[in-house]
Every structure is written in C-alpha cells, then in structure tokens.
Amino acid sequence: MPKVELSPRELEVLKLIAEGHSNAEIASILYLSPNTIKTHVRSVLNKLGVNHRVEAAVLAVRHGL
C-alpha cells in the first residue's frame, strides 16, 4: 500500500470494506451512522488515491490487511 496515514477508524473501515461489507453493514458493526461511514469511506478513498471501494479493497488485500 502506498505510504498513507489512515486513522485507526479509517483502517477499521478499510478492513471491513475489504471483507465485502456494505456501508450499512459497517455502520451497524461499528455502531456509527451510515453518513459517518460514508465520510470515512470517502476519506479512505481520497488518502489511497483510488476512485472506488473495490480498488481500496484490492489494495488492502494485497498489503495483508
């Protein structure tokens, strides 16, 4: 993965994205609102420099998350 500083929460969200969870599922798992999850997902995508959650998931899996 590119040298990126993800917050602990963003890292949790990325791991759940890589496991195939939807935003609604992630919100339920982390006890957060779906809008909060959307914000975290957007931040993760921006920091990783990717356009889609699938690209983020591929990066995460390739780097052992």
PDB file of N, CA and C in Angstrom:
ATOM      1  N   MET A   1       0.847  -1.171   0.000  1.00  0.00           N
ATOM      2  CA  MET A   1       0.000   0.000   0.000  1.00  0.00           C
ATOM      3  C   MET A   1       0.887   1.227   0.000  1.00  0.00           C
ATOM      4  N   PRO A   2       0.464   2.264  -0.705  1.00  0.00           N
ATOM      5  CA  PRO A   2       1.255   3.485  -0.680  1.00  0.00           C
ATOM      6  C   PRO A   2       1.408   3.968   0.754  1.00  0.00           C
ATOM      7  N   LYS A   3       2.473   4.697   1.020  1.00  0.00           N
ATOM      8  CA  LYS A   3       2.697   5.233   2.364  1.00  0.00           C
ATOM      9  C   LYS A   3       1.601   6.246   2.669  1.00  0.00           C
ATOM     10  N   VAL A   4       0.610   5.808   3.434  1.00  0.00           N
ATOM     11  CA  VAL A   4      -0.571   6.617   3.717  1.00  0.00           C
ATOM     12  C   VAL A   4      -0.837   6.555   5.211  1.00  0.00           C
ATOM     13  N   GLU A   5      -1.224   7.679   5.777  1.00  0.00           N
ATOM     14  CA  GLU A   5      -1.572   7.733   7.192  1.00  0.00           C
ATOM     15  C   GLU A   5      -3.086   7.662   7.345  1.00  0.00           C
ATOM     16  N   LEU A   6      -3.588   6.472   7.650  1.00  0.00           N
ATOM     17  CA  LEU A   6      -5.003   6.305   7.935  1.00  0.00           C
ATOM     18  C   LEU A   6      -5.201   6.338   9.442  1.00  0.00           C
ATOM     19  N   SER A   7      -6.294   6.951   9.864  1.00  0.00           N
ATOM     20  CA  SER A   7      -6.624   6.947  11.287  1.00  0.00           C
ATOM     21  C   SER A   7      -7.022   5.524  11.680  1.00  0.00           C
ATOM     22  N   PRO A   8      -7.006   5.219  12.968  1.00  0.00           N
ATOM     23  CA  PRO A   8      -7.443   3.881  13.392  1.00  0.00           C
ATOM     24  C   PRO A   8      -8.850   3.548  12.898  1.00  0.00           C
ATOM     25  N   ARG A   9      -9.760   4.511  12.917  1.00  0.00           N
ATOM     26  CA  ARG A   9     -11.134   4.269  12.462  1.00  0.00           C
ATOM     27  C   ARG A   9     -11.161   4.030  10.953  1.00  0.00           C
ATOM     28  N   GLU A  10     -10.391   4.813  10.205  1.00  0.00           N
ATOM     29  CA  GLU A  10     -10.331   4.612   8.758  1.00  0.00           C
ATOM     30  C   GLU A  10      -9.769   3.234   8.427  1.00  0.00           C
ATOM     31  N   LEU A  11      -8.803   2.788   9.195  1.00  0.00           N
ATOM     32  CA  LEU A  11      -8.233   1.458   8.991  1.00  0.00           C
ATOM     33  C   LEU A  11      -9.281   0.380   9.259  1.00  0.00           C
ATOM     34  N   GLU A  12     -10.071   0.556  10.323  1.00  0.00           N
ATOM     35  CA  GLU A  12     -11.167  -0.384  10.609  1.00  0.00           C
ATOM     36  C   GLU A  12     -12.146  -0.441   9.444  1.00  0.00           C
ATOM     37  N   VAL A  13     -12.521   0.733   8.951  1.00  0.00           N
ATOM     38  CA  VAL A  13     -13.464   0.811   7.836  1.00  0.00           C
ATOM     39  C   VAL A  13     -12.877   0.135   6.606  1.00  0.00           C
ATOM     40  N   LEU A  14     -11.614   0.387   6.315  1.00  0.00           N
ATOM     41  CA  LEU A  14     -10.964  -0.236   5.161  1.00  0.00           C
ATOM     42  C   LEU A  14     -10.967  -1.757   5.289  1.00  0.00           C
ATOM     43  N   LYS A  15     -10.666  -2.271   6.460  1.00  0.00           N
ATOM     44  CA  LYS A  15     -10.679  -3.723   6.664  1.00  0.00           C
ATOM     45  C   LYS A  15     -12.068  -4.296   6.403  1.00  0.00           C
ATOM     46  N   LEU A  16     -13.100  -3.595   6.855  1.00  0.00           N
ATOM     47  CA  LEU A  16     -14.468  -4.071   6.645  1.00  0.00           C
ATOM     48  C   LEU A  16     -14.872  -3.964   5.176  1.00  0.00           C
ATOM     49  N   ILE A  17     -14.401  -2.934   4.491  1.00  0.00           N
ATOM     50  CA  ILE A  17     -14.629  -2.835   3.049  1.00  0.00           C
ATOM     51  C   ILE A  17     -13.989  -4.033   2.353  1.00  0.00           C
ATOM     52  N   ALA A  18     -12.759  -4.354   2.745  1.00  0.00           N
ATOM     53  CA  ALA A  18     -12.033  -5.477   2.130  1.00  0.00           C
ATOM     54  C   ALA A  18     -12.724  -6.807   2.390  1.00  0.00           C
ATOM     55  N   GLU A  19     -13.466  -6.893   3.491  1.00  0.00           N
ATOM     56  CA  GLU A  19     -14.227  -8.106   3.794  1.00  0.00           C
ATOM     57  C   GLU A  19     -15.534  -8.164   3.007  1.00  0.00           C
ATOM     58  N   GLY A  20     -15.849  -7.083   2.290  1.00  0.00           N
ATOM     59  CA  GLY A  20     -17.032  -7.084   1.442  1.00  0.00           C
ATOM     60  C   GLY A  20     -18.284  -6.495   2.053  1.00  0.00           C
ATOM     61  N   HIS A  21     -18.147  -5.811   3.182  1.00  0.00           N
ATOM     62  CA  HIS A  21     -19.317  -5.240   3.841  1.00  0.00           C
ATOM     63  C   HIS A  21     -19.781  -3.957   3.161  1.00  0.00           C
ATOM     64  N   SER A  22     -21.091  -3.755   3.165  1.00  0.00           N
ATOM     65  CA  SER A  22     -21.673  -2.514   2.646  1.00  0.00           C
ATOM     66  C   SER A  22     -21.532  -1.415   3.694  1.00  0.00           C
ATOM     67  N   ASN A  23     -21.793  -0.176   3.288  1.00  0.00           N
ATOM     68  CA  ASN A  23     -21.749   0.926   4.246  1.00  0.00           C
ATOM     69  C   ASN A  23     -22.730   0.696   5.392  1.00  0.00           C
ATOM     70  N   ALA A  24     -23.927   0.220   5.083  1.00  0.00           N
ATOM     71  CA  ALA A  24     -24.933  -0.026   6.120  1.00  0.00           C
ATOM     72  C   ALA A  24     -24.446  -1.094   7.102  1.00  0.00           C
ATOM     73  N   GLU A  25     -23.821  -2.137   6.589  1.00  0.00           N
ATOM     74  CA  GLU A  25     -23.295  -3.193   7.459  1.00  0.00           C
ATOM     75  C   GLU A  25     -22.160  -2.671   8.333  1.00  0.00           C
ATOM     76  N   ILE A  26     -21.278  -1.867   7.749  1.00  0.00           N
ATOM     77  CA  ILE A  26     -20.168  -1.293   8.512  1.00  0.00           C
ATOM     78  C   ILE A  26     -20.709  -0.395   9.614  1.00  0.00           C
ATOM     79  N   ALA A  27     -21.718   0.410   9.282  1.00  0.00           N
ATOM     80  CA  ALA A  27     -22.332   1.290  10.280  1.00  0.00           C
ATOM     81  C   ALA A  27     -22.876   0.474  11.448  1.00  0.00           C
ATOM     82  N   SER A  28     -23.526  -0.621  11.145  1.00  0.00           N
ATOM     83  CA  SER A  28     -24.085  -1.477  12.192  1.00  0.00           C
ATOM     84  C   SER A  28     -22.984  -2.128  13.030  1.00  0.00           C
ATOM     85  N   ILE A  29     -21.954  -2.617  12.381  1.00  0.00           N
ATOM     86  CA  ILE A  29     -20.845  -3.283  13.085  1.00  0.00           C
ATOM     87  C   ILE A  29     -20.131  -2.315  14.022  1.00  0.00           C
ATOM     88  N   LEU A  30     -19.910  -1.081  13.552  1.00  0.00           N
ATOM     89  CA  LEU A  30     -19.144  -0.097  14.329  1.00  0.00           C
ATOM     90  C   LEU A  30     -20.027   0.818  15.181  1.00  0.00           C
ATOM     91  N   TYR A  31     -21.347   0.587  15.147  1.00  0.00           N
ATOM     92  CA  TYR A  31     -22.293   1.411  15.915  1.00  0.00           C
ATOM     93  C   TYR A  31     -22.164   2.895  15.572  1.00  0.00           C
ATOM     94  N   LEU A  32     -22.089   3.171  14.263  1.00  0.00           N
ATOM     95  CA  LEU A  32     -21.997   4.540  13.769  1.00  0.00           C
ATOM     96  C   LEU A  32     -23.111   4.760  12.744  1.00  0.00           C
ATOM     97  N   SER A  33     -23.372   6.022  12.417  1.00  0.00           N
ATOM     98  CA  SER A  33     -24.407   6.309  11.423  1.00  0.00           C
ATOM     99  C   SER A  33     -23.879   6.013  10.025  1.00  0.00           C
ATOM    100  N   PRO A  34     -24.779   5.688   9.103  1.00  0.00           N
ATOM    101  CA  PRO A  34     -24.355   5.464   7.716  1.00  0.00           C
ATOM    102  C   PRO A  34     -23.665   6.695   7.123  1.00  0.00           C
ATOM    103  N   ASN A  35     -24.088   7.891   7.501  1.00  0.00           N
ATOM    104  CA  ASN A  35     -23.432   9.099   6.986  1.00  0.00           C
ATOM    105  C   ASN A  35     -21.999   9.213   7.481  1.00  0.00           C
ATOM    106  N   THR A  36     -21.752   8.819   8.717  1.00  0.00           N
ATOM    107  CA  THR A  36     -20.386   8.827   9.247  1.00  0.00           C
ATOM    108  C   THR A  36     -19.519   7.846   8.472  1.00  0.00           C
ATOM    109  N   ILE A  37     -20.080   6.690   8.156  1.00  0.00           N
ATOM    110  CA  ILE A  37     -19.331   5.692   7.392  1.00  0.00           C
ATOM    111  C   ILE A  37     -19.024   6.224   6.000  1.00  0.00           C
ATOM    112  N   LYS A  38     -19.996   6.883   5.362  1.00  0.00           N
ATOM    113  CA  LYS A  38     -19.749   7.479   4.043  1.00  0.00           C
ATOM    114  C   LYS A  38     -18.586   8.454   4.096  1.00  0.00           C
ATOM    115  N   THR A  39     -18.523   9.237   5.158  1.00  0.00           N
ATOM    116  CA  THR A  39     -17.426  10.193   5.321  1.00  0.00           C
ATOM    117  C   THR A  39     -16.096   9.470   5.450  1.00  0.00           C
ATOM    118  N   HIS A  40     -16.068   8.407   6.260  1.00  0.00           N
ATOM    119  CA  HIS A  40     -14.830   7.640   6.437  1.00  0.00           C
ATOM    120  C   HIS A  40     -14.410   6.975   5.125  1.00  0.00           C
ATOM    121  N   VAL A  41     -15.370   6.411   4.406  1.00  0.00           N
ATOM    122  CA  VAL A  41     -15.053   5.751   3.133  1.00  0.00           C
ATOM    123  C   VAL A  41     -14.469   6.768   2.151  1.00  0.00           C
ATOM    124  N   ARG A  42     -15.089   7.931   2.046  1.00  0.00           N
ATOM    125  CA  ARG A  42     -14.598   8.986   1.155  1.00  0.00           C
ATOM    126  C   ARG A  42     -13.173   9.376   1.531  1.00  0.00           C
ATOM    127  N   SER A  43     -12.914   9.501   2.818  1.00  0.00           N
ATOM    128  CA  SER A  43     -11.578   9.866   3.292  1.00  0.00           C
ATOM    129  C   SER A  43     -10.554   8.788   2.935  1.00  0.00           C
ATOM    130  N   VAL A  44     -10.924   7.530   3.139  1.00  0.00           N
ATOM    131  CA  VAL A  44     -10.027   6.412   2.807  1.00  0.00           C
ATOM    132  C   VAL A  44      -9.710   6.431   1.313  1.00  0.00           C
ATOM    133  N   LEU A  45     -10.747   6.586   0.482  1.00  0.00           N
ATOM    134  CA  LEU A  45     -10.537   6.598  -0.972  1.00  0.00           C
ATOM    135  C   LEU A  45      -9.612   7.742  -1.372  1.00  0.00           C
ATOM    136  N   ASN A  46      -9.853   8.919  -0.796  1.00  0.00           N
ATOM    137  CA  ASN A  46      -9.004  10.080  -1.115  1.00  0.00           C
ATOM    138  C   ASN A  46      -7.565   9.850  -0.691  1.00  0.00           C
ATOM    139  N   LYS A  47      -7.357   9.345   0.515  1.00  0.00           N
ATOM    140  CA  LYS A  47      -5.994   9.128   1.012  1.00  0.00           C
ATOM    141  C   LYS A  47      -5.249   8.062   0.213  1.00  0.00           C
ATOM    142  N   LEU A  48      -5.986   7.044  -0.243  1.00  0.00           N
ATOM    143  CA  LEU A  48      -5.353   5.979  -1.024  1.00  0.00           C
ATOM    144  C   LEU A  48      -5.196   6.360  -2.492  1.00  0.00           C
ATOM    145  N   GLY A  49      -5.877   7.423  -2.905  1.00  0.00           N
ATOM    146  CA  GLY A  49      -5.792   7.851  -4.298  1.00  0.00           C
ATOM    147  C   GLY A  49      -6.508   6.927  -5.257  1.00  0.00           C
ATOM    148  N   VAL A  50      -7.615   6.348  -4.799  1.00  0.00           N
ATOM    149  CA  VAL A  50      -8.410   5.455  -5.653  1.00  0.00           C
ATOM    150  C   VAL A  50      -9.798   6.045  -5.845  1.00  0.00           C
ATOM    151  N   ASN A  51     -10.504   5.523  -6.844  1.00  0.00           N
ATOM    152  CA  ASN A  51     -11.821   6.057  -7.178  1.00  0.00           C
ATOM    153  C   ASN A  51     -12.985   5.223  -6.666  1.00  0.00           C
ATOM    154  N   HIS A  52     -12.737   3.961  -6.342  1.00  0.00           N
ATOM    155  CA  HIS A  52     -13.822   3.059  -5.966  1.00  0.00           C
ATOM    156  C   HIS A  52     -13.418   2.221  -4.760  1.00  0.00           C
ATOM    157  N   ARG A  53     -14.418   1.807  -4.014  1.00  0.00           N
ATOM    158  CA  ARG A  53     -14.153   0.978  -2.841  1.00  0.00           C
ATOM    159  C   ARG A  53     -13.522  -0.359  -3.232  1.00  0.00           C
ATOM    160  N   VAL A  54     -13.814  -0.848  -4.436  1.00  0.00           N
ATOM    161  CA  VAL A  54     -13.206  -2.103  -4.884  1.00  0.00           C
ATOM    162  C   VAL A  54     -11.695  -1.938  -5.016  1.00  0.00           C
ATOM    163  N   GLU A  55     -11.265  -0.802  -5.562  1.00  0.00           N
ATOM    164  CA  GLU A  55      -9.827  -0.538  -5.675  1.00  0.00           C
ATOM    165  C   GLU A  55      -9.186  -0.470  -4.288  1.00  0.00           C
ATOM    166  N   ALA A  56      -9.884   0.146  -3.336  1.00  0.00           N
ATOM    167  CA  ALA A  56      -9.370   0.224  -1.965  1.00  0.00           C
ATOM    168  C   ALA A  56      -9.267  -1.172  -1.364  1.00  0.00           C
ATOM    169  N   ALA A  57     -10.277  -2.005  -1.606  1.00  0.00           N
ATOM    170  CA  ALA A  57     -10.266  -3.368  -1.078  1.00  0.00           C
ATOM    171  C   ALA A  57      -9.111  -4.171  -1.668  1.00  0.00           C
ATOM    172  N   VAL A  58      -8.872  -4.012  -2.956  1.00  0.00           N
ATOM    173  CA  VAL A  58      -7.760  -4.726  -3.608  1.00  0.00           C
ATOM    174  C   VAL A  58      -6.431  -4.310  -2.990  1.00  0.00           C
ATOM    175  N   LEU A  59      -6.241  -3.013  -2.782  1.00  0.00           N
ATOM    176  CA  LEU A  59      -5.006  -2.531  -2.148  1.00  0.00           C
ATOM    177  C   LEU A  59      -4.857  -3.128  -0.741  1.00  0.00           C
ATOM    178  N   ALA A  60      -5.946  -3.140   0.000  1.00  0.00           N
ATOM    179  CA  ALA A  60      -5.900  -3.667   1.361  1.00  0.00           C
ATOM    180  C   ALA A  60      -5.517  -5.142   1.372  1.00  0.00           C
ATOM    181  N   VAL A  61      -6.139  -5.916   0.503  1.00  0.00           N
ATOM    182  CA  VAL A  61      -5.852  -7.354   0.451  1.00  0.00           C
ATOM    183  C   VAL A  61      -4.421  -7.599   0.000  1.00  0.00           C
ATOM    184  N   ARG A  62      -3.976  -6.861  -1.003  1.00  0.00           N
ATOM    185  CA  ARG A  62      -2.607  -7.028  -1.495  1.00  0.00           C
ATOM    186  C   ARG A  62      -1.562  -6.723  -0.431  1.00  0.00           C
ATOM    187  N   HIS A  63      -1.929  -5.879   0.514  1.00  0.00           N
ATOM    188  CA  HIS A  63      -0.978  -5.477   1.552  1.00  0.00           C
ATOM    189  C   HIS A  63      -1.275  -6.110   2.896  1.00  0.00           C
ATOM    190  N   GLY A  64      -2.061  -7.178   2.882  1.00  0.00           N
ATOM    191  CA  GLY A  64      -2.231  -8.004   4.074  1.00  0.00           C
ATOM    192  C   GLY A  64      -3.155  -7.470   5.141  1.00  0.00           C
ATOM    193  N   LEU A  65      -4.052  -6.573   4.789  1.00  0.00           N
ATOM    194  CA  LEU A  65      -5.000  -6.083   5.804  1.00  0.00           C
ATOM    195  C   LEU A  65      -6.180  -7.013   5.931  1.00  0.00           C
TER     196      LEU A  65
END
